[in-house]
Amino acid sequence: MATLDRQDPEYLYVAMGPRETAAGALAVLAYVSWLRGQGTQSDERLALAKACVPCHAHVRAVSAMIRATSVAVVAADLDLSWKPVKG
């Protein structure tokens, strides 16, 4: 099973679902990547989301948040940043 903690391409299966659903799910994945400080991945997933439904409200909201700063404040703070789950 793929999770957000793994970089497996399987969890992008959402792109194979209905376009409206895929757009929202890909926007969430873009936001998670952004929180981790993975700007390139975030941009790629947001581009896929926009390709599904360009005017999707969730896609526009995530895009605005991501464009507001180059990296999430959380990703830049070692105490708050995402760390892989061990075990």
PDB file of N, CA and C in Angstrom:
ATOM      1  N   MET A   1       0.833  -1.181   0.000  1.00  0.00           N
ATOM      2  CA  MET A   1       0.000   0.000   0.000  1.00  0.00           C
ATOM      3  C   MET A   1       0.878   1.246   0.000  1.00  0.00           C
ATOM      4  N   ALA A   2       0.628   2.141  -0.889  1.00  0.00           N
ATOM      5  CA  ALA A   2       1.384   3.388  -0.960  1.00  0.00           C
ATOM      6  C   ALA A   2       0.788   4.404   0.010  1.00  0.00           C
ATOM      7  N   THR A   3       1.636   5.227   0.588  1.00  0.00           N
ATOM      8  CA  THR A   3       1.179   6.274   1.501  1.00  0.00           C
ATOM      9  C   THR A   3       1.873   7.566   1.142  1.00  0.00           C
ATOM     10  N   LEU A   4       1.479   8.647   1.794  1.00  0.00           N
ATOM     11  CA  LEU A   4       2.132   9.927   1.558  1.00  0.00           C
ATOM     12  C   LEU A   4       3.557   9.934   2.093  1.00  0.00           C
ATOM     13  N   ASP A   5       3.909   8.951   2.929  1.00  0.00           N
ATOM     14  CA  ASP A   5       5.265   8.867   3.463  1.00  0.00           C
ATOM     15  C   ASP A   5       6.230   8.201   2.496  1.00  0.00           C
ATOM     16  N   ARG A   6       5.715   7.652   1.428  1.00  0.00           N
ATOM     17  CA  ARG A   6       6.566   6.965   0.451  1.00  0.00           C
ATOM     18  C   ARG A   6       6.481   7.696  -0.877  1.00  0.00           C
ATOM     19  N   GLN A   7       7.562   7.677  -1.616  1.00  0.00           N
ATOM     20  CA  GLN A   7       7.608   8.372  -2.896  1.00  0.00           C
ATOM     21  C   GLN A   7       7.220   7.461  -4.057  1.00  0.00           C
ATOM     22  N   ASP A   8       6.436   6.431  -3.787  1.00  0.00           N
ATOM     23  CA  ASP A   8       6.002   5.514  -4.836  1.00  0.00           C
ATOM     24  C   ASP A   8       5.037   6.212  -5.786  1.00  0.00           C
ATOM     25  N   PRO A   9       5.162   5.956  -7.078  1.00  0.00           N
ATOM     26  CA  PRO A   9       4.231   6.572  -8.025  1.00  0.00           C
ATOM     27  C   PRO A   9       2.810   6.039  -7.898  1.00  0.00           C
ATOM     28  N   GLU A  10       2.611   4.916  -7.201  1.00  0.00           N
ATOM     29  CA  GLU A  10       1.276   4.323  -7.099  1.00  0.00           C
ATOM     30  C   GLU A  10       0.247   5.270  -6.502  1.00  0.00           C
ATOM     31  N   TYR A  11       0.668   6.124  -5.574  1.00  0.00           N
ATOM     32  CA  TYR A  11      -0.348   6.951  -4.935  1.00  0.00           C
ATOM     33  C   TYR A  11      -0.832   8.065  -5.852  1.00  0.00           C
ATOM     34  N   LEU A  12      -0.298   8.139  -7.038  1.00  0.00           N
ATOM     35  CA  LEU A  12      -0.839   9.085  -8.020  1.00  0.00           C
ATOM     36  C   LEU A  12      -1.940   8.440  -8.856  1.00  0.00           C
ATOM     37  N   TYR A  13      -2.404   7.248  -8.453  1.00  0.00           N
ATOM     38  CA  TYR A  13      -3.522   6.606  -9.141  1.00  0.00           C
ATOM     39  C   TYR A  13      -4.758   7.494  -9.151  1.00  0.00           C
ATOM     40  N   VAL A  14      -4.792   8.466  -8.278  1.00  0.00           N
ATOM     41  CA  VAL A  14      -5.942   9.370  -8.263  1.00  0.00           C
ATOM     42  C   VAL A  14      -6.130  10.043  -9.613  1.00  0.00           C
ATOM     43  N   ALA A  15      -5.056  10.167 -10.364  1.00  0.00           N
ATOM     44  CA  ALA A  15      -5.145  10.799 -11.680  1.00  0.00           C
ATOM     45  C   ALA A  15      -5.978   9.971 -12.651  1.00  0.00           C
ATOM     46  N   MET A  16      -6.210   8.707 -12.314  1.00  0.00           N
ATOM     47  CA  MET A  16      -6.997   7.847 -13.187  1.00  0.00           C
ATOM     48  C   MET A  16      -8.485   7.905 -12.836  1.00  0.00           C
ATOM     49  N   GLY A  17      -8.848   8.604 -11.778  1.00  0.00           N
ATOM     50  CA  GLY A  17     -10.243   8.708 -11.371  1.00  0.00           C
ATOM     51  C   GLY A  17     -10.960   9.797 -12.151  1.00  0.00           C
ATOM     52  N   PRO A  18     -12.204  10.101 -11.748  1.00  0.00           N
ATOM     53  CA  PRO A  18     -12.942  11.184 -12.403  1.00  0.00           C
ATOM     54  C   PRO A  18     -12.156  12.490 -12.317  1.00  0.00           C
ATOM     55  N   ARG A  19     -12.205  13.285 -13.362  1.00  0.00           N
ATOM     56  CA  ARG A  19     -11.385  14.501 -13.435  1.00  0.00           C
ATOM     57  C   ARG A  19     -11.616  15.435 -12.246  1.00  0.00           C
ATOM     58  N   GLU A  20     -12.857  15.633 -11.848  1.00  0.00           N
ATOM     59  CA  GLU A  20     -13.160  16.529 -10.728  1.00  0.00           C
ATOM     60  C   GLU A  20     -12.531  16.008  -9.432  1.00  0.00           C
ATOM     61  N   THR A  21     -12.623  14.730  -9.201  1.00  0.00           N
ATOM     62  CA  THR A  21     -12.041  14.114  -8.008  1.00  0.00           C
ATOM     63  C   THR A  21     -10.521  14.136  -8.079  1.00  0.00           C
ATOM     64  N   ALA A  22      -9.982  13.826  -9.238  1.00  0.00           N
ATOM     65  CA  ALA A  22      -8.527  13.809  -9.411  1.00  0.00           C
ATOM     66  C   ALA A  22      -7.934  15.190  -9.174  1.00  0.00           C
ATOM     67  N   ALA A  23      -8.613  16.235  -9.636  1.00  0.00           N
ATOM     68  CA  ALA A  23      -8.099  17.596  -9.464  1.00  0.00           C
ATOM     69  C   ALA A  23      -7.944  17.929  -7.985  1.00  0.00           C
ATOM     70  N   GLY A  24      -8.960  17.642  -7.196  1.00  0.00           N
ATOM     71  CA  GLY A  24      -8.888  17.922  -5.764  1.00  0.00           C
ATOM     72  C   GLY A  24      -7.827  17.094  -5.063  1.00  0.00           C
ATOM     73  N   ALA A  25      -7.761  15.813  -5.401  1.00  0.00           N
ATOM     74  CA  ALA A  25      -6.771  14.930  -4.775  1.00  0.00           C
ATOM     75  C   ALA A  25      -5.352  15.346  -5.143  1.00  0.00           C
ATOM     76  N   LEU A  26      -5.132  15.685  -6.396  1.00  0.00           N
ATOM     77  CA  LEU A  26      -3.801  16.124  -6.826  1.00  0.00           C
ATOM     78  C   LEU A  26      -3.423  17.451  -6.172  1.00  0.00           C
ATOM     79  N   ALA A  27      -4.401  18.316  -5.952  1.00  0.00           N
ATOM     80  CA  ALA A  27      -4.127  19.576  -5.254  1.00  0.00           C
ATOM     81  C   ALA A  27      -3.683  19.302  -3.817  1.00  0.00           C
ATOM     82  N   VAL A  28      -4.317  18.333  -3.170  1.00  0.00           N
ATOM     83  CA  VAL A  28      -3.909  17.950  -1.810  1.00  0.00           C
ATOM     84  C   VAL A  28      -2.479  17.408  -1.827  1.00  0.00           C
ATOM     85  N   LEU A  29      -2.164  16.554  -2.795  1.00  0.00           N
ATOM     86  CA  LEU A  29      -0.801  16.016  -2.902  1.00  0.00           C
ATOM     87  C   LEU A  29       0.206  17.134  -3.189  1.00  0.00           C
ATOM     88  N   ALA A  30      -0.197  18.124  -3.975  1.00  0.00           N
ATOM     89  CA  ALA A  30       0.678  19.273  -4.237  1.00  0.00           C
ATOM     90  C   ALA A  30       0.949  20.030  -2.940  1.00  0.00           C
ATOM     91  N   TYR A  31      -0.085  20.219  -2.142  1.00  0.00           N
ATOM     92  CA  TYR A  31       0.065  20.923  -0.871  1.00  0.00           C
ATOM     93  C   TYR A  31       0.981  20.155   0.085  1.00  0.00           C
ATOM     94  N   VAL A  32       0.812  18.841   0.156  1.00  0.00           N
ATOM     95  CA  VAL A  32       1.666  18.013   1.021  1.00  0.00           C
ATOM     96  C   VAL A  32       3.125  18.119   0.570  1.00  0.00           C
ATOM     97  N   SER A  33       3.366  18.060  -0.729  1.00  0.00           N
ATOM     98  CA  SER A  33       4.735  18.205  -1.245  1.00  0.00           C
ATOM     99  C   SER A  33       5.305  19.564  -0.868  1.00  0.00           C
ATOM    100  N   TRP A  34       4.490  20.586  -0.977  1.00  0.00           N
ATOM    101  CA  TRP A  34       4.924  21.944  -0.636  1.00  0.00           C
ATOM    102  C   TRP A  34       5.291  22.038   0.837  1.00  0.00           C
ATOM    103  N   LEU A  35       4.475  21.424   1.701  1.00  0.00           N
ATOM    104  CA  LEU A  35       4.779  21.422   3.137  1.00  0.00           C
ATOM    105  C   LEU A  35       6.103  20.734   3.433  1.00  0.00           C
ATOM    106  N   ARG A  36       6.446  19.755   2.625  1.00  0.00           N
ATOM    107  CA  ARG A  36       7.707  19.023   2.796  1.00  0.00           C
ATOM    108  C   ARG A  36       8.894  19.768   2.194  1.00  0.00           C
ATOM    109  N   GLY A  37       8.639  20.873   1.525  1.00  0.00           N
ATOM    110  CA  GLY A  37       9.715  21.620   0.889  1.00  0.00           C
ATOM    111  C   GLY A  37      10.100  21.077  -0.468  1.00  0.00           C
ATOM    112  N   GLN A  38       9.224  20.291  -1.085  1.00  0.00           N
ATOM    113  CA  GLN A  38       9.478  19.686  -2.395  1.00  0.00           C
ATOM    114  C   GLN A  38       8.747  20.492  -3.469  1.00  0.00           C
ATOM    115  N   GLY A  39       9.303  21.658  -3.776  1.00  0.00           N
ATOM    116  CA  GLY A  39       8.647  22.579  -4.698  1.00  0.00           C
ATOM    117  C   GLY A  39       8.429  22.041  -6.094  1.00  0.00           C
ATOM    118  N   THR A  40       9.394  21.308  -6.619  1.00  0.00           N
ATOM    119  CA  THR A  40       9.266  20.765  -7.972  1.00  0.00           C
ATOM    120  C   THR A  40       8.124  19.767  -8.043  1.00  0.00           C
ATOM    121  N   GLN A  41       8.058  18.854  -7.092  1.00  0.00           N
ATOM    122  CA  GLN A  41       6.955  17.888  -7.047  1.00  0.00           C
ATOM    123  C   GLN A  41       5.622  18.597  -6.879  1.00  0.00           C
ATOM    124  N   SER A  42       5.610  19.597  -6.046  1.00  0.00           N
ATOM    125  CA  SER A  42       4.390  20.351  -5.808  1.00  0.00           C
ATOM    126  C   SER A  42       3.896  21.007  -7.095  1.00  0.00           C
ATOM    127  N   ASP A  43       4.798  21.634  -7.826  1.00  0.00           N
ATOM    128  CA  ASP A  43       4.436  22.270  -9.098  1.00  0.00           C
ATOM    129  C   ASP A  43       3.922  21.260 -10.110  1.00  0.00           C
ATOM    130  N   GLU A  44       4.559  20.091 -10.165  1.00  0.00           N
ATOM    131  CA  GLU A  44       4.133  19.055 -11.113  1.00  0.00           C
ATOM    132  C   GLU A  44       2.721  18.572 -10.798  1.00  0.00           C
ATOM    133  N   ARG A  45       2.446  18.332  -9.535  1.00  0.00           N
ATOM    134  CA  ARG A  45       1.124  17.835  -9.144  1.00  0.00           C
ATOM    135  C   ARG A  45       0.049  18.904  -9.317  1.00  0.00           C
ATOM    136  N   LEU A  46       0.419  20.145  -9.059  1.00  0.00           N
ATOM    137  CA  LEU A  46      -0.541  21.225  -9.259  1.00  0.00           C
ATOM    138  C   LEU A  46      -0.842  21.409 -10.747  1.00  0.00           C
ATOM    139  N   ALA A  47       0.170  21.243 -11.585  1.00  0.00           N
ATOM    140  CA  ALA A  47      -0.049  21.326 -13.037  1.00  0.00           C
ATOM    141  C   ALA A  47      -0.988  20.214 -13.503  1.00  0.00           C
ATOM    142  N   LEU A  48      -0.823  19.008 -12.963  1.00  0.00           N
ATOM    143  CA  LEU A  48      -1.731  17.908 -13.293  1.00  0.00           C
ATOM    144  C   LEU A  48      -3.153  18.224 -12.828  1.00  0.00           C
ATOM    145  N   ALA A  49      -3.270  18.796 -11.644  1.00  0.00           N
ATOM    146  CA  ALA A  49      -4.591  19.155 -11.118  1.00  0.00           C
ATOM    147  C   ALA A  49      -5.260  20.202 -12.003  1.00  0.00           C
ATOM    148  N   LYS A  50      -4.490  21.206 -12.425  1.00  0.00           N
ATOM    149  CA  LYS A  50      -5.041  22.251 -13.300  1.00  0.00           C
ATOM    150  C   LYS A  50      -5.432  21.687 -14.656  1.00  0.00           C
ATOM    151  N   ALA A  51      -4.692  20.693 -15.123  1.00  0.00           N
ATOM    152  CA  ALA A  51      -5.027  20.067 -16.407  1.00  0.00           C
ATOM    153  C   ALA A  51      -6.354  19.310 -16.315  1.00  0.00           C
ATOM    154  N   CYS A  52      -6.653  18.772 -15.139  1.00  0.00           N
ATOM    155  CA  CYS A  52      -7.924  18.052 -14.946  1.00  0.00           C
ATOM    156  C   CYS A  52      -9.103  19.017 -14.958  1.00  0.00           C
ATOM    157  N   VAL A  53      -9.056  20.019 -14.105  1.00  0.00           N
ATOM    158  CA  VAL A  53     -10.137  21.008 -13.983  1.00  0.00           C
ATOM    159  C   VAL A  53      -9.492  22.356 -13.649  1.00  0.00           C
ATOM    160  N   PRO A  54      -9.241  23.200 -14.655  1.00  0.00           N
ATOM    161  CA  PRO A  54      -8.510  24.451 -14.442  1.00  0.00           C
ATOM    162  C   PRO A  54      -9.121  25.396 -13.398  1.00  0.00           C
ATOM    163  N   CYS A  55     -10.423  25.437 -13.285  1.00  0.00           N
ATOM    164  CA  CYS A  55     -11.071  26.395 -12.376  1.00  0.00           C
ATOM    165  C   CYS A  55     -11.578  25.756 -11.086  1.00  0.00           C
ATOM    166  N   HIS A  56     -11.093  24.580 -10.754  1.00  0.00           N
ATOM    167  CA  HIS A  56     -11.499  23.885  -9.523  1.00  0.00           C
ATOM    168  C   HIS A  56     -11.135  24.767  -8.328  1.00  0.00           C
ATOM    169  N   ALA A  57     -12.082  24.998  -7.430  1.00  0.00           N
ATOM    170  CA  ALA A  57     -11.864  25.901  -6.299  1.00  0.00           C
ATOM    171  C   ALA A  57     -10.693  25.466  -5.417  1.00  0.00           C
ATOM    172  N   HIS A  58     -10.580  24.181  -5.155  1.00  0.00           N
ATOM    173  CA  HIS A  58      -9.493  23.683  -4.305  1.00  0.00           C
ATOM    174  C   HIS A  58      -8.140  23.887  -4.994  1.00  0.00           C
ATOM    175  N   VAL A  59      -8.095  23.645  -6.293  1.00  0.00           N
ATOM    176  CA  VAL A  59      -6.853  23.834  -7.054  1.00  0.00           C
ATOM    177  C   VAL A  59      -6.438  25.302  -7.013  1.00  0.00           C
ATOM    178  N   ARG A  60      -7.399  26.210  -7.174  1.00  0.00           N
ATOM    179  CA  ARG A  60      -7.082  27.647  -7.124  1.00  0.00           C
ATOM    180  C   ARG A  60      -6.591  28.052  -5.741  1.00  0.00           C
ATOM    181  N   ALA A  61      -7.205  27.516  -4.683  1.00  0.00           N
ATOM    182  CA  ALA A  61      -6.798  27.862  -3.317  1.00  0.00           C
ATOM    183  C   ALA A  61      -5.385  27.369  -3.013  1.00  0.00           C
ATOM    184  N   VAL A  62      -5.102  26.128  -3.368  1.00  0.00           N
ATOM    185  CA  VAL A  62      -3.760  25.576  -3.132  1.00  0.00           C
ATOM    186  C   VAL A  62      -2.729  26.336  -3.959  1.00  0.00           C
ATOM    187  N   SER A  63      -3.077  26.653  -5.186  1.00  0.00           N
ATOM    188  CA  SER A  63      -2.167  27.407  -6.047  1.00  0.00           C
ATOM    189  C   SER A  63      -1.831  28.765  -5.430  1.00  0.00           C
ATOM    190  N   ALA A  64      -2.827  29.449  -4.904  1.00  0.00           N
ATOM    191  CA  ALA A  64      -2.598  30.754  -4.278  1.00  0.00           C
ATOM    192  C   ALA A  64      -1.695  30.631  -3.054  1.00  0.00           C
ATOM    193  N   MET A  65      -1.904  29.588  -2.238  1.00  0.00           N
ATOM    194  CA  MET A  65      -1.058  29.390  -1.051  1.00  0.00           C
ATOM    195  C   MET A  65       0.380  29.086  -1.446  1.00  0.00           C
ATOM    196  N   ILE A  66       0.538  28.232  -2.444  1.00  0.00           N
ATOM    197  CA  ILE A  66       1.879  27.840  -2.867  1.00  0.00           C
ATOM    198  C   ILE A  66       2.625  29.013  -3.496  1.00  0.00           C
ATOM    199  N   ARG A  67       1.913  29.830  -4.242  1.00  0.00           N
ATOM    200  CA  ARG A  67       2.548  30.967  -4.909  1.00  0.00           C
ATOM    201  C   ARG A  67       2.893  32.098  -3.941  1.00  0.00           C
ATOM    202  N   ALA A  68       2.292  32.080  -2.748  1.00  0.00           N
ATOM    203  CA  ALA A  68       2.526  33.148  -1.780  1.00  0.00           C
ATOM    204  C   ALA A  68       3.963  33.148  -1.256  1.00  0.00           C
ATOM    205  N   THR A  69       4.605  31.995  -1.246  1.00  0.00           N
ATOM    206  CA  THR A  69       5.989  31.885  -0.769  1.00  0.00           C
ATOM    207  C   THR A  69       6.658  30.714  -1.485  1.00  0.00           C
ATOM    208  N   SER A  70       7.964  30.757  -1.590  1.00  0.00           N
ATOM    209  CA  SER A  70       8.674  29.715  -2.335  1.00  0.00           C
ATOM    210  C   SER A  70       8.742  28.388  -1.578  1.00  0.00           C
ATOM    211  N   VAL A  71       8.696  28.438  -0.276  1.00  0.00           N
ATOM    212  CA  VAL A  71       8.723  27.203   0.514  1.00  0.00           C
ATOM    213  C   VAL A  71       7.875  27.419   1.761  1.00  0.00           C
ATOM    214  N   ALA A  72       7.204  26.387   2.190  1.00  0.00           N
ATOM    215  CA  ALA A  72       6.355  26.499   3.380  1.00  0.00           C
ATOM    216  C   ALA A  72       7.199  26.839   4.600  1.00  0.00           C
ATOM    217  N   VAL A  73       6.691  27.702   5.439  1.00  0.00           N
ATOM    218  CA  VAL A  73       7.385  28.062   6.677  1.00  0.00           C
ATOM    219  C   VAL A  73       7.633  26.810   7.510  1.00  0.00           C
ATOM    220  N   VAL A  74       6.684  25.899   7.499  1.00  0.00           N
ATOM    221  CA  VAL A  74       6.820  24.655   8.251  1.00  0.00           C
ATOM    222  C   VAL A  74       8.013  23.846   7.751  1.00  0.00           C
ATOM    223  N   ALA A  75       8.218  23.797   6.441  1.00  0.00           N
ATOM    224  CA  ALA A  75       9.323  23.021   5.874  1.00  0.00           C
ATOM    225  C   ALA A  75      10.674  23.618   6.245  1.00  0.00           C
ATOM    226  N   ALA A  76      10.720  24.913   6.472  1.00  0.00           N
ATOM    227  CA  ALA A  76      11.975  25.577   6.799  1.00  0.00           C
ATOM    228  C   ALA A  76      12.331  25.474   8.282  1.00  0.00           C
ATOM    229  N   ASP A  77      11.389  25.113   9.128  1.00  0.00           N
ATOM    230  CA  ASP A  77      11.608  25.014  10.569  1.00  0.00           C
ATOM    231  C   ASP A  77      11.885  23.555  10.940  1.00  0.00           C
ATOM    232  N   LEU A  78      13.090  23.262  11.386  1.00  0.00           N
ATOM    233  CA  LEU A  78      13.463  21.880  11.700  1.00  0.00           C
ATOM    234  C   LEU A  78      12.598  21.252  12.789  1.00  0.00           C
ATOM    235  N   ASP A  79      12.099  22.056  13.711  1.00  0.00           N
ATOM    236  CA  ASP A  79      11.253  21.512  14.774  1.00  0.00           C
ATOM    237  C   ASP A  79       9.860  21.141  14.272  1.00  0.00           C
ATOM    238  N   LEU A  80       9.390  21.827  13.242  1.00  0.00           N
ATOM    239  CA  LEU A  80       8.035  21.603  12.731  1.00  0.00           C
ATOM    240  C   LEU A  80       7.992  20.799  11.441  1.00  0.00           C
ATOM    241  N   SER A  81       9.120  20.668  10.771  1.00  0.00           N
ATOM    242  CA  SER A  81       9.132  20.067   9.436  1.00  0.00           C
ATOM    243  C   SER A  81       8.769  18.587   9.453  1.00  0.00           C
ATOM    244  N   TRP A  82       8.303  18.124   8.301  1.00  0.00           N
ATOM    245  CA  TRP A  82       7.924  16.724   8.132  1.00  0.00           C
ATOM    246  C   TRP A  82       9.144  15.838   8.260  1.00  0.00           C
ATOM    247  N   LYS A  83       8.967  14.729   8.954  1.00  0.00           N
ATOM    248  CA  LYS A  83      10.028  13.730   9.083  1.00  0.00           C
ATOM    249  C   LYS A  83       9.424  12.368   8.762  1.00  0.00           C
ATOM    250  N   PRO A  84      10.160  11.510   8.071  1.00  0.00           N
ATOM    251  CA  PRO A  84       9.628  10.177   7.761  1.00  0.00           C
ATOM    252  C   PRO A  84       9.297   9.404   9.035  1.00  0.00           C
ATOM    253  N   VAL A  85       8.253   8.609   8.955  1.00  0.00           N
ATOM    254  CA  VAL A  85       7.872   7.757  10.080  1.00  0.00           C
ATOM    255  C   VAL A  85       8.845   6.591  10.138  1.00  0.00           C
ATOM    256  N   LYS A  86       9.394   6.341  11.299  1.00  0.00           N
ATOM    257  CA  LYS A  86      10.340   5.231  11.451  1.00  0.00           C
ATOM    258  C   LYS A  86       9.610   4.030  12.018  1.00  0.00           C
ATOM    259  N   GLY A  87       9.923   2.879  11.430  1.00  0.00           N
ATOM    260  CA  GLY A  87       9.325   1.673  11.972  1.00  0.00           C
ATOM    261  C   GLY A  87       8.698   0.853  10.991  1.00  0.00           C
TER     262      GLY A  87
END
